[in-house]
Protein backbone atom coordinates (compact mmCIF):
# COMPACT_ATOMS: atom_id res chain seq x y z
CA MET A 1 -11.62 -2.97 -79.65
CA ILE A 2 -8.32 -4.68 -80.42
CA ASP A 3 -5.59 -2.91 -82.82
CA LEU A 4 -5.11 -4.56 -86.35
CA ALA A 5 -2.82 -1.79 -87.64
CA THR A 6 0.01 -3.80 -86.59
CA TRP A 7 -0.80 -7.09 -88.15
CA ASN A 8 -1.71 -9.06 -91.83
CA LEU A 9 -3.75 -12.12 -91.67
CA SER A 10 -2.94 -15.49 -93.63
CA VAL A 11 -5.87 -17.91 -93.87
CA PRO A 12 -5.70 -21.35 -94.92
CA VAL A 13 -7.41 -21.21 -98.36
CA GLY A 14 -5.58 -20.72 -101.98
CA ASN A 15 -2.86 -22.29 -103.04
CA PRO A 16 -0.66 -20.41 -101.70
CA PRO A 17 -3.15 -19.55 -98.52
CA TYR A 18 -4.66 -15.71 -98.93
CA THR A 19 -2.78 -12.85 -96.82
CA VAL A 20 -5.11 -10.55 -96.17
CA ASP A 21 -2.87 -7.07 -95.63
CA THR A 22 -2.72 -4.71 -93.25
CA PRO A 23 -5.45 -2.10 -94.18
CA LYS A 24 -7.84 -4.29 -95.35
CA LEU A 25 -7.83 -5.79 -91.87
CA VAL A 26 -8.12 -2.42 -90.20
CA ASN A 27 -11.38 -2.08 -92.87
CA GLY A 28 -13.18 -5.11 -91.11
CA PHE A 29 -12.14 -7.90 -92.98
CA LYS A 30 -14.17 -11.08 -92.19
CA ASP A 31 -14.82 -14.35 -93.43
CA GLN A 32 -15.49 -17.85 -91.70
CA TYR A 33 -12.01 -18.40 -90.70
CA PHE A 34 -11.34 -14.43 -88.68
CA HIS A 35 -13.65 -11.74 -88.02
CA SER A 36 -13.28 -8.58 -85.64
CA ASN A 37 -17.20 -7.17 -85.68
CA THR A 38 -18.13 -8.26 -82.15
CA GLY A 39 -14.83 -6.52 -80.34
CA THR A 40 -13.19 -9.72 -79.81
CA LEU A 41 -11.03 -11.94 -82.33
CA PHE A 42 -12.39 -15.18 -83.70
CA PHE A 43 -10.02 -17.30 -85.14
CA TRP A 44 -10.83 -20.57 -87.24
CA SER A 45 -8.41 -23.53 -89.00
CA PRO A 46 -9.51 -26.73 -90.22
CA VAL A 47 -7.01 -29.62 -90.75
CA THR A 48 -7.77 -29.45 -94.31
CA GLY A 49 -6.95 -26.40 -94.72
CA THR A 50 -3.58 -25.10 -97.23
CA ARG A 51 -0.03 -24.78 -96.03
CA THR A 52 1.80 -21.73 -95.89
CA GLU A 53 5.21 -22.63 -97.81
CA ASN A 54 7.26 -25.11 -95.48
CA ALA A 55 4.83 -25.67 -93.10
CA LYS A 56 3.28 -29.11 -91.78
CA TYR A 57 -0.42 -27.75 -90.87
CA PRO A 58 -2.59 -25.03 -91.70
CA ARG A 59 -3.14 -21.83 -89.98
CA THR A 60 -5.20 -18.57 -89.29
CA GLU A 61 -2.56 -16.58 -87.90
CA LEU A 62 -1.64 -13.00 -87.19
CA ARG A 63 1.45 -11.66 -88.36
CA GLU A 64 3.30 -8.45 -87.26
CA THR A 65 3.59 -5.60 -89.94
CA TYR A 66 3.81 -1.66 -89.78
CA SER A 67 0.38 0.54 -90.07
CA ASN A 68 1.13 0.24 -94.03
CA GLY A 69 1.19 -3.62 -94.30
CA THR A 70 4.87 -3.50 -94.73
CA LEU A 71 6.52 -6.29 -92.70
CA ARG A 72 7.74 -5.44 -89.54
CA ASN A 73 10.64 -7.41 -88.24
CA TRP A 74 12.82 -6.48 -85.37
CA LEU A 75 16.28 -6.72 -83.14
CA TYR A 76 15.85 -7.89 -79.77
CA PRO A 77 18.48 -6.23 -78.22
CA GLU A 78 16.87 -2.36 -79.73
CA ALA A 79 13.67 -2.47 -77.54
CA ASP A 80 11.70 -4.09 -75.06
CA ASN A 81 8.87 -6.47 -76.70
CA SER A 82 6.14 -8.02 -75.70
CA LEU A 83 3.34 -9.61 -76.95
CA ARG A 84 0.71 -9.49 -74.57
CA ALA A 85 -3.24 -11.63 -75.31
CA THR A 86 -6.25 -12.61 -73.32
CA LEU A 87 -7.87 -15.63 -74.86
CA ALA A 88 -9.51 -19.03 -74.95
CA VAL A 89 -9.76 -22.16 -76.84
CA ASN A 90 -12.54 -22.94 -77.82
CA GLN A 91 -11.87 -26.39 -80.37
CA VAL A 92 -8.97 -28.44 -80.50
CA PRO A 93 -8.25 -30.76 -83.38
CA SER A 94 -7.64 -34.51 -82.31
CA SER A 95 -3.90 -34.39 -81.54
CA GLY A 96 -5.23 -31.46 -78.71
CA LYS A 97 -2.24 -29.19 -79.89
CA LEU A 98 -3.00 -25.78 -81.26
CA VAL A 99 -0.06 -22.68 -81.42
CA ILE A 100 -1.08 -19.36 -80.12
CA GLY A 101 1.19 -17.14 -80.53
CA GLN A 102 5.32 -17.18 -81.39
CA ILE A 103 8.45 -14.98 -81.82
CA HIS A 104 9.32 -15.92 -85.30
CA ALA A 105 12.27 -15.56 -86.83
CA TYR A 106 12.48 -13.39 -90.50
CA GLN A 107 13.20 -16.06 -93.44
CA SER A 108 13.96 -19.22 -91.36
CA GLN A 109 11.27 -22.03 -90.44
CA LYS A 110 12.44 -22.65 -87.21
CA PRO A 111 10.38 -19.85 -84.59
CA MET A 112 12.47 -18.92 -81.14
CA VAL A 113 9.22 -19.43 -79.37
CA LYS A 114 6.14 -20.83 -79.52
CA VAL A 115 3.19 -20.91 -76.75
CA GLU A 116 1.40 -23.82 -77.58
CA TYR A 117 -1.94 -24.95 -75.78
CA GLN A 118 -2.34 -29.29 -75.58
CA TYR A 119 -5.80 -30.22 -74.61
CA LYS A 120 -5.34 -33.81 -72.58
CA THR A 121 -8.95 -36.01 -73.44
CA GLU A 122 -8.77 -37.63 -70.13
CA THR A 123 -8.35 -34.61 -68.00
CA GLN A 124 -10.80 -32.15 -70.23
CA THR A 125 -8.39 -29.60 -69.71
CA GLY A 126 -5.05 -28.03 -71.48
CA ASN A 127 -1.95 -27.13 -70.78
CA ILE A 128 -0.41 -24.51 -71.80
CA VAL A 129 3.35 -24.93 -73.28
CA ALA A 130 6.59 -23.41 -74.17
CA LYS A 131 9.08 -24.49 -76.78
CA VAL A 132 12.00 -22.14 -76.84
CA ARG A 133 15.06 -22.63 -79.28
CA MET A 134 17.81 -20.99 -77.08
CA ARG A 135 20.01 -20.35 -80.12
CA PRO A 136 19.11 -20.09 -83.92
CA ASP A 137 20.96 -23.37 -84.33
CA ASP A 138 18.99 -24.74 -82.24
CA GLY A 139 16.60 -28.46 -83.47
CA ASP A 140 13.58 -29.04 -80.97
CA GLY A 141 14.66 -26.84 -78.54
CA ARG A 142 13.40 -26.79 -74.74
CA VAL A 143 9.93 -28.00 -74.01
CA ILE A 144 8.58 -26.27 -70.96
CA THR A 145 5.10 -26.67 -69.61
CA ILE A 146 3.96 -23.04 -67.88
CA ALA A 147 0.42 -23.81 -66.85
CA THR A 148 -2.16 -26.77 -66.60
CA GLY A 149 -5.25 -27.52 -66.25
CA VAL A 150 -6.76 -24.57 -68.60
CA LYS A 151 -9.92 -25.74 -69.72
CA LEU A 152 -11.86 -25.55 -73.33
CA ASP A 153 -13.58 -22.10 -73.06
CA GLN A 154 -11.70 -20.55 -70.06
CA GLN A 155 -10.82 -17.19 -70.53
CA PHE A 156 -6.92 -16.75 -69.67
CA SER A 157 -3.58 -14.63 -70.48
CA TYR A 158 -0.55 -15.05 -71.96
CA MET A 159 2.92 -12.86 -72.21
CA ILE A 160 5.91 -13.30 -74.57
CA HIS A 161 8.82 -10.96 -73.27
CA LEU A 162 12.07 -10.10 -74.55
CA SER A 163 14.38 -7.50 -73.30
CA PRO A 164 16.69 -5.84 -75.04
CA HIS A 165 19.87 -7.85 -72.93
CA GLY A 166 17.82 -11.23 -74.11
CA ALA A 167 16.21 -11.57 -71.02
CA LEU A 168 12.92 -14.22 -72.02
CA GLY A 169 9.96 -14.61 -69.97
CA ILE A 170 6.67 -16.12 -70.81
CA SER A 171 4.11 -16.34 -68.68
CA ALA A 172 0.08 -17.77 -68.96
CA ALA A 173 -3.08 -19.16 -67.10
CA GLY A 174 -0.80 -16.92 -63.80
CA TYR A 175 2.44 -18.97 -64.22
CA GLN A 176 5.69 -17.40 -65.05
CA TRP A 177 8.93 -18.96 -66.82
CA ASN A 178 12.44 -16.85 -67.31
CA THR A 179 15.51 -17.40 -69.20
CA ASP A 180 18.19 -15.71 -71.25
CA ILE A 181 18.69 -16.59 -74.77
CA SER A 182 21.63 -16.85 -76.70
CA LYS A 183 23.47 -13.67 -77.78
CA THR A 184 23.38 -15.76 -81.34
CA TRP A 185 19.99 -14.40 -81.61
CA SER A 186 20.71 -10.66 -81.10
CA VAL A 187 21.60 -10.07 -85.13
CA LYS A 188 18.60 -12.57 -86.43
CA PRO A 189 15.25 -10.12 -87.60
CA LEU A 190 12.31 -11.39 -85.27
CA TYR A 191 8.33 -10.52 -85.60
CA PHE A 192 5.34 -11.50 -83.46
CA LYS A 193 2.79 -13.73 -85.11
CA ALA A 194 -0.52 -14.61 -82.79
CA GLY A 195 -3.85 -16.74 -83.62
CA VAL A 196 -4.46 -20.45 -84.55
CA TYR A 197 -1.69 -22.53 -86.19
CA VAL A 198 -3.36 -25.94 -85.88
CA GLN A 199 -0.78 -28.79 -85.28
CA ASP A 200 -2.63 -31.08 -87.15
CA HIS A 201 -3.44 -31.91 -90.73
CA THR A 202 -5.97 -34.40 -91.08
CA GLY A 203 -9.49 -35.45 -90.53
CA TYR A 204 -12.91 -33.93 -91.39
CA THR A 205 -13.29 -30.37 -92.78
CA SER A 206 -15.27 -29.84 -89.51
CA GLU A 207 -12.12 -30.49 -87.03
CA GLY A 208 -9.81 -27.63 -86.48
CA GLY A 209 -8.72 -25.37 -83.84
CA GLN A 210 -11.11 -22.19 -82.69
CA VAL A 211 -9.92 -19.57 -80.69
CA THR A 212 -10.98 -16.47 -79.18
CA PHE A 213 -9.18 -13.82 -78.33
CA THR A 214 -10.31 -10.75 -76.36
CA LYS A 215 -6.98 -8.72 -75.35
CA LEU A 216 -4.03 -7.95 -77.80
CA ASP A 217 -1.67 -6.42 -78.47
CA ILE A 218 2.19 -5.57 -78.85
CA ASP A 219 4.97 -3.17 -77.66
CA HIS A 220 8.16 -2.67 -78.80
CA ASP A 221 9.35 0.09 -76.09
CA LYS A 222 12.68 2.17 -76.56
């Protein structure tokens, strides 16, 4: 079973969208957007779902917390920080794009890292792409293709690792990319996110992103 005691969940319904707190999530919360009763995590976000404040697109996405439900934010120099996941992308919106993992910055609209699945209709496979802002004041940052040829319903793993010295490693589907981020990030509170954040907001209610996680784990090793 995947431990949900370090997450809350945003679902794309209500205005503003509803947040399921950590205790409720641990107790087996399920609806049409999320469930964990099979030992895996099922995420669904339609393109027509409601959006969080300042977001362009809808999401069904976990956000890092403490076990009592308090939001967890961390400074990267204080620990060795990693997010590991194994999943399959089951459905994509017409844009073909959805975000499956992030390092976000607290009280900011601009994350440090987004790991995105980008499906190409002509090849019927997807690329795993990392979007990385090397500094907090970067605009769009760098775009790096980590892996190619990942089919829908194909299980793969990814990891986002950020060391206390600012070494950032992103691996996906057996490939890895490394860099060093700017020290200016060291004073910015950060947190992990995982799930399905569709990069599309037009279409029928049946259009959206569906992802199934079989493993999901966070570590902050001192």
